[in-house]
Protein backbone atom coordinates (compact mmCIF):
# COMPACT_ATOMS: atom_id res chain seq x y z
CA MET A 1 108.81 92.03 83.80
CA THR A 2 109.12 94.02 87.08
CA TYR A 3 108.15 97.52 87.48
CA PRO A 4 108.51 100.11 90.28
CA TYR A 5 105.43 101.03 92.31
CA VAL A 6 104.07 103.82 90.24
CA LEU A 7 102.32 106.73 92.33
CA LEU A 8 100.70 109.55 90.21
CA SER A 9 100.40 112.75 92.12
CA ALA A 10 98.55 115.76 91.06
CA ALA A 11 96.45 118.73 92.14
CA VAL A 12 93.32 120.05 90.31
CA SER A 13 90.78 122.86 90.48
CA LEU A 14 87.19 121.86 91.14
CA ASP A 15 86.50 121.95 87.50
CA GLY A 16 89.51 119.56 86.65
CA TYR A 17 92.43 121.90 85.62
CA LEU A 18 95.97 121.53 86.44
CA ASP A 19 96.87 125.14 85.76
CA ASP A 20 95.42 128.31 84.06
CA THR A 21 96.78 129.89 81.05
CA GLY A 22 98.57 132.84 82.87
CA PRO A 23 102.35 133.37 82.81
CA ASP A 24 102.82 132.19 86.34
CA ARG A 25 101.93 128.70 87.78
CA LEU A 26 98.75 128.39 89.55
CA LEU A 27 99.21 127.47 93.10
CA LEU A 28 96.52 124.72 93.76
CA SER A 29 97.75 123.10 96.82
CA SER A 30 97.91 124.65 100.40
CA PRO A 31 101.35 125.19 102.26
CA ALA A 32 100.48 122.20 104.44
CA ASP A 33 99.89 120.09 101.33
CA PHE A 34 103.09 121.23 99.66
CA ASP A 35 104.88 119.88 102.80
CA ARG A 36 102.92 116.54 102.35
CA VAL A 37 104.29 116.39 98.89
CA ASP A 38 107.56 117.02 100.02
CA GLU A 39 107.32 114.08 102.51
CA VAL A 40 106.01 111.91 99.67
CA ARG A 41 109.08 112.94 97.71
CA ALA A 42 111.47 112.09 100.33
CA SER A 43 110.02 108.49 100.62
CA VAL A 44 110.49 107.53 96.90
CA ASP A 45 113.43 106.57 94.89
CA ALA A 46 112.59 108.61 91.76
CA ILE A 47 110.46 111.61 90.70
CA LEU A 48 109.32 111.75 87.04
CA ILE A 49 107.82 114.78 85.00
CA GLY A 50 107.39 115.26 81.44
CA ALA A 51 109.53 117.68 79.29
CA GLY A 52 106.48 119.94 78.80
CA THR A 53 106.22 120.57 82.58
CA ILE A 54 109.97 121.31 82.62
CA ARG A 55 109.31 123.88 79.85
CA ALA A 56 106.05 125.50 81.35
CA ASP A 57 107.14 125.47 85.02
CA ASN A 58 110.98 125.22 85.22
CA PRO A 59 110.71 123.18 88.46
CA ARG A 60 113.75 122.23 90.58
CA LEU A 61 111.77 119.02 91.89
CA LEU A 62 113.70 118.85 95.15
CA VAL A 63 113.00 117.58 98.75
CA TYR A 64 113.15 120.71 100.47
CA SER A 65 113.33 119.63 104.19
CA ALA A 66 116.71 119.28 105.42
CA SER A 67 115.67 116.87 108.10
CA ARG A 68 113.97 114.48 105.52
CA ARG A 69 117.19 114.70 103.44
CA ALA A 70 119.32 113.83 106.35
CA ALA A 71 116.93 110.87 107.25
CA ARG A 72 117.51 109.60 103.47
CA VAL A 73 121.36 109.81 103.92
CA ALA A 74 121.23 108.03 107.22
CA GLU A 75 119.15 105.11 105.49
CA GLY A 76 121.83 104.74 103.10
CA ARG A 77 119.83 106.40 100.11
CA PRO A 78 120.85 109.39 98.07
CA GLU A 79 120.16 112.81 99.54
CA TYR A 80 117.77 113.42 96.76
CA PRO A 81 115.52 111.09 94.50
CA LEU A 82 116.65 110.53 91.01
CA LYS A 83 114.89 112.97 88.84
CA VAL A 84 113.59 111.77 85.58
CA THR A 85 111.94 113.32 82.52
CA VAL A 86 110.31 111.89 79.56
CA THR A 87 110.56 113.49 76.08
CA ALA A 88 109.85 112.15 72.69
CA SER A 89 111.62 114.97 70.76
CA GLY A 90 114.73 115.43 73.00
CA ASP A 91 113.99 119.37 72.91
CA LEU A 92 115.11 120.25 76.35
CA ASP A 93 116.27 123.36 77.69
CA PRO A 94 119.84 122.92 79.24
CA ASP A 95 119.71 125.82 81.27
CA ALA A 96 116.66 124.63 83.23
CA ARG A 97 116.73 124.60 86.95
CA PHE A 98 115.84 120.75 86.83
CA TRP A 99 119.51 119.91 85.59
CA HIS A 100 121.33 122.13 87.98
CA THR A 101 119.77 121.15 91.39
CA GLY A 102 119.39 118.03 93.32
CA GLY A 103 121.05 114.71 92.66
CA GLU A 104 121.15 112.36 89.70
CA LYS A 105 119.08 112.89 86.52
CA ALA A 106 117.89 110.59 83.73
CA VAL A 107 116.23 111.39 80.46
CA TYR A 108 114.14 108.85 78.73
CA THR A 109 113.61 109.57 74.95
CA THR A 110 113.36 108.19 71.57
CA ASP A 111 116.35 107.22 69.44
CA LEU A 112 116.17 110.58 67.54
CA GLY A 113 115.35 112.48 70.83
CA ALA A 114 118.52 110.92 72.52
CA ARG A 115 120.63 112.44 69.68
CA ARG A 116 119.18 115.80 70.27
CA ALA A 117 119.55 115.72 73.93
CA VAL A 118 123.20 114.77 73.70
CA GLU A 119 123.72 117.69 71.09
CA LEU A 120 122.08 120.03 73.49
CA GLY A 121 124.55 118.94 76.30
CA ILE A 122 121.97 117.95 78.55
CA ARG A 123 123.54 116.96 82.04
CA ALA A 124 121.73 113.60 82.73
CA ASP A 125 122.02 110.15 81.60
CA VAL A 126 120.23 109.89 78.32
CA VAL A 127 118.28 106.53 77.76
CA PRO A 128 116.90 105.92 74.18
CA LEU A 129 113.77 103.88 74.23
CA GLY A 130 113.56 103.06 70.49
CA PRO A 131 111.39 104.88 67.80
CA GLU A 132 108.59 105.62 70.30
CA ILE A 133 108.44 106.02 74.13
CA ASP A 134 108.01 102.61 75.56
CA TRP A 135 106.74 103.01 79.17
CA ARG A 136 107.22 99.34 79.99
CA ARG A 137 110.70 99.31 78.97
CA LEU A 138 111.23 102.65 80.77
CA LEU A 139 109.79 101.16 83.93
CA THR A 140 111.81 98.01 83.67
CA ASP A 141 114.96 100.14 83.30
CA LEU A 142 114.28 102.19 86.30
CA TYR A 143 113.58 98.98 88.29
CA GLY A 144 117.09 97.95 87.01
CA ARG A 145 118.44 101.02 88.69
CA GLY A 146 117.02 100.33 92.03
CA VAL A 147 113.90 102.32 91.82
CA ARG A 148 111.29 100.65 93.72
CA ARG A 149 108.81 103.60 94.26
CA LEU A 150 108.30 105.97 91.56
CA MET A 151 106.41 109.38 92.06
CA VAL A 152 104.97 110.94 88.84
CA GLU A 153 104.25 114.61 89.15
CA GLY A 154 102.72 115.09 85.61
CA GLY A 155 101.86 116.57 83.35
CA GLY A 156 98.40 115.44 82.32
CA THR A 157 99.59 113.63 79.19
CA ILE A 158 101.94 111.58 81.44
CA HIS A 159 99.26 110.69 83.77
CA THR A 160 96.84 109.87 81.03
CA GLN A 161 99.36 107.40 79.35
CA LEU A 162 100.18 105.75 82.55
CA LEU A 163 96.68 105.03 83.55
CA GLN A 164 95.42 104.18 80.03
CA ALA A 165 98.32 101.56 79.74
CA GLY A 166 97.35 100.06 83.15
CA LEU A 167 100.80 100.94 84.73
CA ALA A 168 99.70 103.26 87.63
CA ASP A 169 99.55 101.54 91.07
CA GLU A 170 98.11 104.79 92.87
CA LEU A 171 96.66 108.16 92.22
CA GLN A 172 97.06 110.75 94.92
CA LEU A 173 94.65 113.71 93.96
CA VAL A 174 94.25 116.98 95.73
CA LEU A 175 91.34 119.06 95.01
CA ALA A 176 91.58 122.72 95.51
CA PRO A 177 88.61 124.96 96.10
CA LEU A 178 88.58 127.08 92.90
CA PHE A 179 87.55 127.22 89.42
CA VAL A 180 89.57 127.82 86.25
CA GLY A 181 86.97 127.85 83.48
CA ASP A 182 89.57 128.29 80.66
CA PRO A 183 88.88 125.72 77.87
CA LYS A 184 92.53 126.39 76.91
CA ALA A 185 94.14 125.46 80.18
CA PRO A 186 95.69 122.06 80.77
CA ARG A 187 93.52 119.33 82.38
CA LEU A 188 94.70 116.33 84.32
CA PHE A 189 93.41 113.46 82.10
CA GLY A 190 92.86 113.29 78.27
CA ALA A 191 90.46 111.38 76.37
CA GLY A 192 90.95 107.57 75.43
CA GLU A 193 90.22 104.23 76.96
CA TYR A 194 90.56 103.70 80.72
CA GLU A 195 89.80 100.85 83.00
CA ARG A 196 86.19 100.67 83.29
CA GLU A 197 85.97 99.22 86.98
CA ARG A 198 85.63 101.72 89.70
CA LEU A 199 88.83 102.78 91.39
CA ARG A 200 89.18 101.99 95.02
CA LEU A 201 89.19 104.93 97.46
CA ILE A 202 91.81 104.11 100.10
CA GLU A 203 92.09 107.37 101.79
CA THR A 204 90.48 111.00 102.15
CA ARG A 205 92.15 113.52 104.21
CA GLN A 206 91.46 117.37 104.69
CA ILE A 207 94.50 119.48 104.63
CA GLU A 208 93.76 123.10 105.23
CA ASP A 209 91.46 124.09 102.60
CA VAL A 210 92.19 121.32 100.12
CA VAL A 211 91.13 117.59 100.07
CA LEU A 212 93.54 114.72 99.43
CA MET A 213 91.87 111.70 97.73
CA ARG A 214 94.00 108.42 97.26
CA TYR A 215 92.77 105.82 94.66
CA ARG A 216 93.95 102.54 93.42
CA PRO A 217 92.93 100.86 90.28
CA SER A 218 90.93 97.61 90.90
CA VAL A 219 93.76 95.51 89.58
CA THR A 220 97.41 97.10 89.62
CA PRO A 221 100.61 96.09 88.10
CA ALA A 222 101.74 95.43 91.80
CA ASP A 223 98.78 92.88 92.01
CA HIS A 224 100.37 91.05 89.10
CA HIS A 225 103.96 91.07 90.62
CA TRP A 226 102.98 89.87 94.00
CA LEU A 227 100.72 87.17 92.98
CA GLY A 228 103.31 85.90 90.62
CA VAL A 229 105.71 85.75 93.74
CA ALA A 230 103.20 83.92 95.82
CA CYS A 231 102.83 81.15 92.99
CA ASP A 232 106.72 81.04 92.97
CA LEU A 233 106.73 80.45 96.74
CA ALA A 234 104.26 77.57 96.31
CA ALA A 235 107.14 75.70 94.49
CA LEU A 236 109.19 75.86 97.51
CA CYS A 237 106.75 73.79 99.57
CA PRO A 238 107.81 70.31 100.69
CA PRO A 239 105.76 67.75 98.79
CA SER A 240 102.62 66.17 100.07
CA GLU A 241 99.84 63.67 99.11
CA THR A 242 97.46 65.16 101.57
CA ALA A 243 97.66 69.03 101.23
CA PHE A 244 98.00 71.55 98.57
CA SER A 245 101.31 73.55 98.02
CA VAL A 246 100.39 77.17 98.42
CA GLY A 247 102.54 80.42 98.48
CA ALA A 248 101.36 83.69 100.24
CA VAL A 249 102.69 87.21 100.51
CA ILE A 250 101.40 90.18 102.79
CA VAL A 251 101.97 93.60 101.08
CA ALA A 252 101.37 96.85 103.02
CA GLN A 253 99.26 99.73 101.66
CA ASP A 254 102.48 101.53 100.49
CA GLY A 255 103.42 98.63 98.18
CA THR A 256 106.25 97.08 100.47
CA GLU A 257 106.42 93.56 101.47
CA ILE A 258 105.84 92.81 105.12
CA ALA A 259 105.69 89.13 105.42
CA ARG A 260 105.61 85.90 103.26
CA GLY A 261 104.99 82.06 103.71
CA HIS A 262 104.40 78.96 102.06
CA SER A 263 102.77 75.55 103.03
CA ARG A 264 104.68 73.25 105.25
CA GLU A 265 107.43 75.99 105.97
CA GLY A 266 109.91 75.55 108.68
CA GLY A 267 109.25 71.88 109.31
CA ASP A 268 105.68 72.39 110.38
CA SER A 269 103.74 69.63 108.20
CA VAL A 270 100.31 71.20 108.64
CA VAL A 271 101.04 74.90 108.50
CA HIS A 272 99.36 76.80 105.69
CA ALA A 273 100.89 79.48 103.62
CA GLU A 274 98.77 82.46 104.79
CA GLU A 275 99.00 81.34 108.33
CA ALA A 276 102.97 81.18 108.03
CA ALA A 277 103.07 84.45 106.70
CA LEU A 278 100.58 86.07 109.36
CA ALA A 279 102.44 84.44 112.36
CA LYS A 280 105.57 86.59 111.42
CA LEU A 281 103.72 89.61 112.38
CA ASP A 282 102.53 91.18 115.37
CA PRO A 283 98.87 90.91 115.36
CA ALA A 284 98.57 94.64 116.47
CA ASP A 285 100.91 95.57 113.40
CA PRO A 286 99.03 98.81 112.26
CA ARG A 287 99.87 98.07 108.57
CA LEU A 288 97.62 94.95 108.57
CA PRO A 289 94.22 96.67 107.95
CA GLY A 290 95.44 98.29 104.84
CA ALA A 291 97.48 95.37 103.61
CA THR A 292 96.77 92.99 100.80
CA VAL A 293 97.15 89.10 101.22
CA TYR A 294 98.30 87.45 98.00
CA SER A 295 97.81 83.82 97.95
CA SER A 296 98.18 81.29 94.95
CA LEU A 297 95.10 79.23 96.28
CA GLU A 298 92.01 80.79 97.90
CA PRO A 299 92.39 81.05 101.58
CA CYS A 300 90.67 77.90 103.25
CA ALA A 301 87.37 78.11 104.91
CA ARG A 302 87.60 74.73 106.67
CA ARG A 303 90.40 72.61 107.74
CA ALA A 304 91.01 69.62 110.08
CA SER A 305 94.72 70.23 111.11
CA ARG A 306 94.15 73.62 112.97
CA PRO A 307 90.99 74.99 114.65
CA ALA A 308 91.29 78.29 112.71
CA PRO A 309 91.02 78.27 108.93
CA CYS A 310 93.15 80.85 106.89
CA ALA A 311 90.02 82.89 105.95
CA ARG A 312 89.19 83.38 109.61
CA LEU A 313 92.98 84.32 110.28
CA ILE A 314 92.92 86.89 107.68
CA LEU A 315 89.66 88.50 109.03
CA ASP A 316 91.01 88.35 112.59
CA ALA A 317 94.02 90.21 111.52
CA GLY A 318 91.99 93.04 110.07
CA VAL A 319 92.96 92.50 106.48
CA ARG A 320 90.53 93.86 104.02
CA ARG A 321 91.99 92.83 100.72
CA VAL A 322 92.91 89.38 99.25
CA VAL A 323 94.09 88.67 95.66
CA THR A 324 94.26 84.96 94.59
CA ALA A 325 94.93 82.75 91.55
CA TRP A 326 93.10 79.51 91.94
CA ILE A 327 89.80 78.50 93.55
CA GLU A 328 90.30 75.40 95.81
CA PRO A 329 89.06 72.31 94.12
CA ASP A 330 87.08 69.60 96.07
CA THR A 331 90.01 67.39 96.39
CA PHE A 332 90.24 67.62 100.13
CA VAL A 333 87.26 69.80 101.11
CA GLN A 334 83.93 69.93 99.45
CA ASP A 335 82.63 73.36 98.47
CA ALA A 336 85.41 75.13 100.59
CA ASP A 337 84.54 78.77 99.16
CA GLY A 338 87.13 80.67 101.27
CA ASN A 339 86.72 83.51 99.02
CA GLY A 340 82.83 83.67 99.63
CA LEU A 341 83.47 83.63 103.41
CA LEU A 342 85.76 86.73 102.95
CA ARG A 343 83.39 88.42 100.62
CA ASP A 344 80.51 88.04 103.04
CA ALA A 345 82.53 89.66 105.92
CA GLY A 346 83.40 92.69 103.56
CA VAL A 347 86.84 91.77 102.32
CA GLU A 348 87.69 92.70 98.89
CA VAL A 349 88.53 89.48 96.90
CA VAL A 350 90.19 89.79 93.47
CA LEU A 351 90.64 86.67 91.36
CA LEU A 352 93.34 86.72 88.53
CA PRO A 353 92.71 83.42 86.89
CA GLU A 354 95.66 84.12 84.40
CA TYR A 355 97.73 82.87 87.27
CA GLU A 356 95.84 79.54 87.92
CA LYS A 357 98.30 77.36 86.00
CA ALA A 358 101.23 78.77 87.97
CA ALA A 359 99.30 78.03 91.08
CA LYS A 360 98.49 74.44 89.80
CA ASP A 361 101.96 73.49 88.77
CA PRO A 362 103.29 72.53 92.25
CA ASN A 363 100.11 70.51 92.76
CA GLY A 364 99.97 68.42 89.67
CA HIS A 365 100.35 64.96 91.42
CA LEU A 366 97.13 66.00 93.61
CA LEU A 367 95.03 66.97 90.53
CA GLY A 368 95.16 63.79 88.38
């Protein structure tokens, strides 16, 4: 199943609250950070909030910059991203500003909630998901609508559910220099089971008096998607009795593909997958240091066909993260350990062995 890139966005107080209990929304971000949020909104295909946020804040959820909206139209995209809300009950206010501003809207709800939303005359495409909210079905439906990047702006229950389900690709967290201190106020995350691995900090930035921190889980849904693509590419390789069939994809930090390749691509009988993908990029491409290389087989550490093995090419390109499916066997090179070479140089290497069979399938004739 294929999902959009899911970006969670939130601002919290120093003690972890999203808001206070007063009648008006607590403004945690600074003016410059509100503009950054507007820029992120303009970059995505859809923005999602929970029905509780509509009831509490009555937001418009718009891209406010006219120049950013114009740029979207010039790129052939709608002026505004799709606005999405999620509700189990279907209890929605048809007069809320959410429905009467911006572009297209969608409501994802339960079967019972769908009937309630229709009865209320909600001006949106109402999508029933069954007896309960099914996040995987929801994300799959959004992907089918052309949503490749989804920004989730809360509330805390939505953020919690997506993180606990392992469906978030990125967390953009803004820390505001104030305290709320009210135990009745809403917090960003609730109790439950989360991934135990430390999240990866990919950026910190001071914006006036707040700090933006961008995190990614150690393994994301995008990692599974792109490694699957790399394994599919391996099946495209011309057959060989002297080399493995490998696929590789290079993906930028924003989740977009920037290059792909496979072994023996383009009639070059000795080119490797990572080498073929990297050759399609300018070595000075500023996206490379933040990119991830997905390869169905660990990048080679030694090779006879070319001076530089793929692990060295990855290091020279400045890439700092590699995700792979299969450790290179001793079929052609003893104790290759390309992953070890990369780790020793400070590259984060992630092995997802559940894709090993898919990586091996095009190479069955070499494995006996």
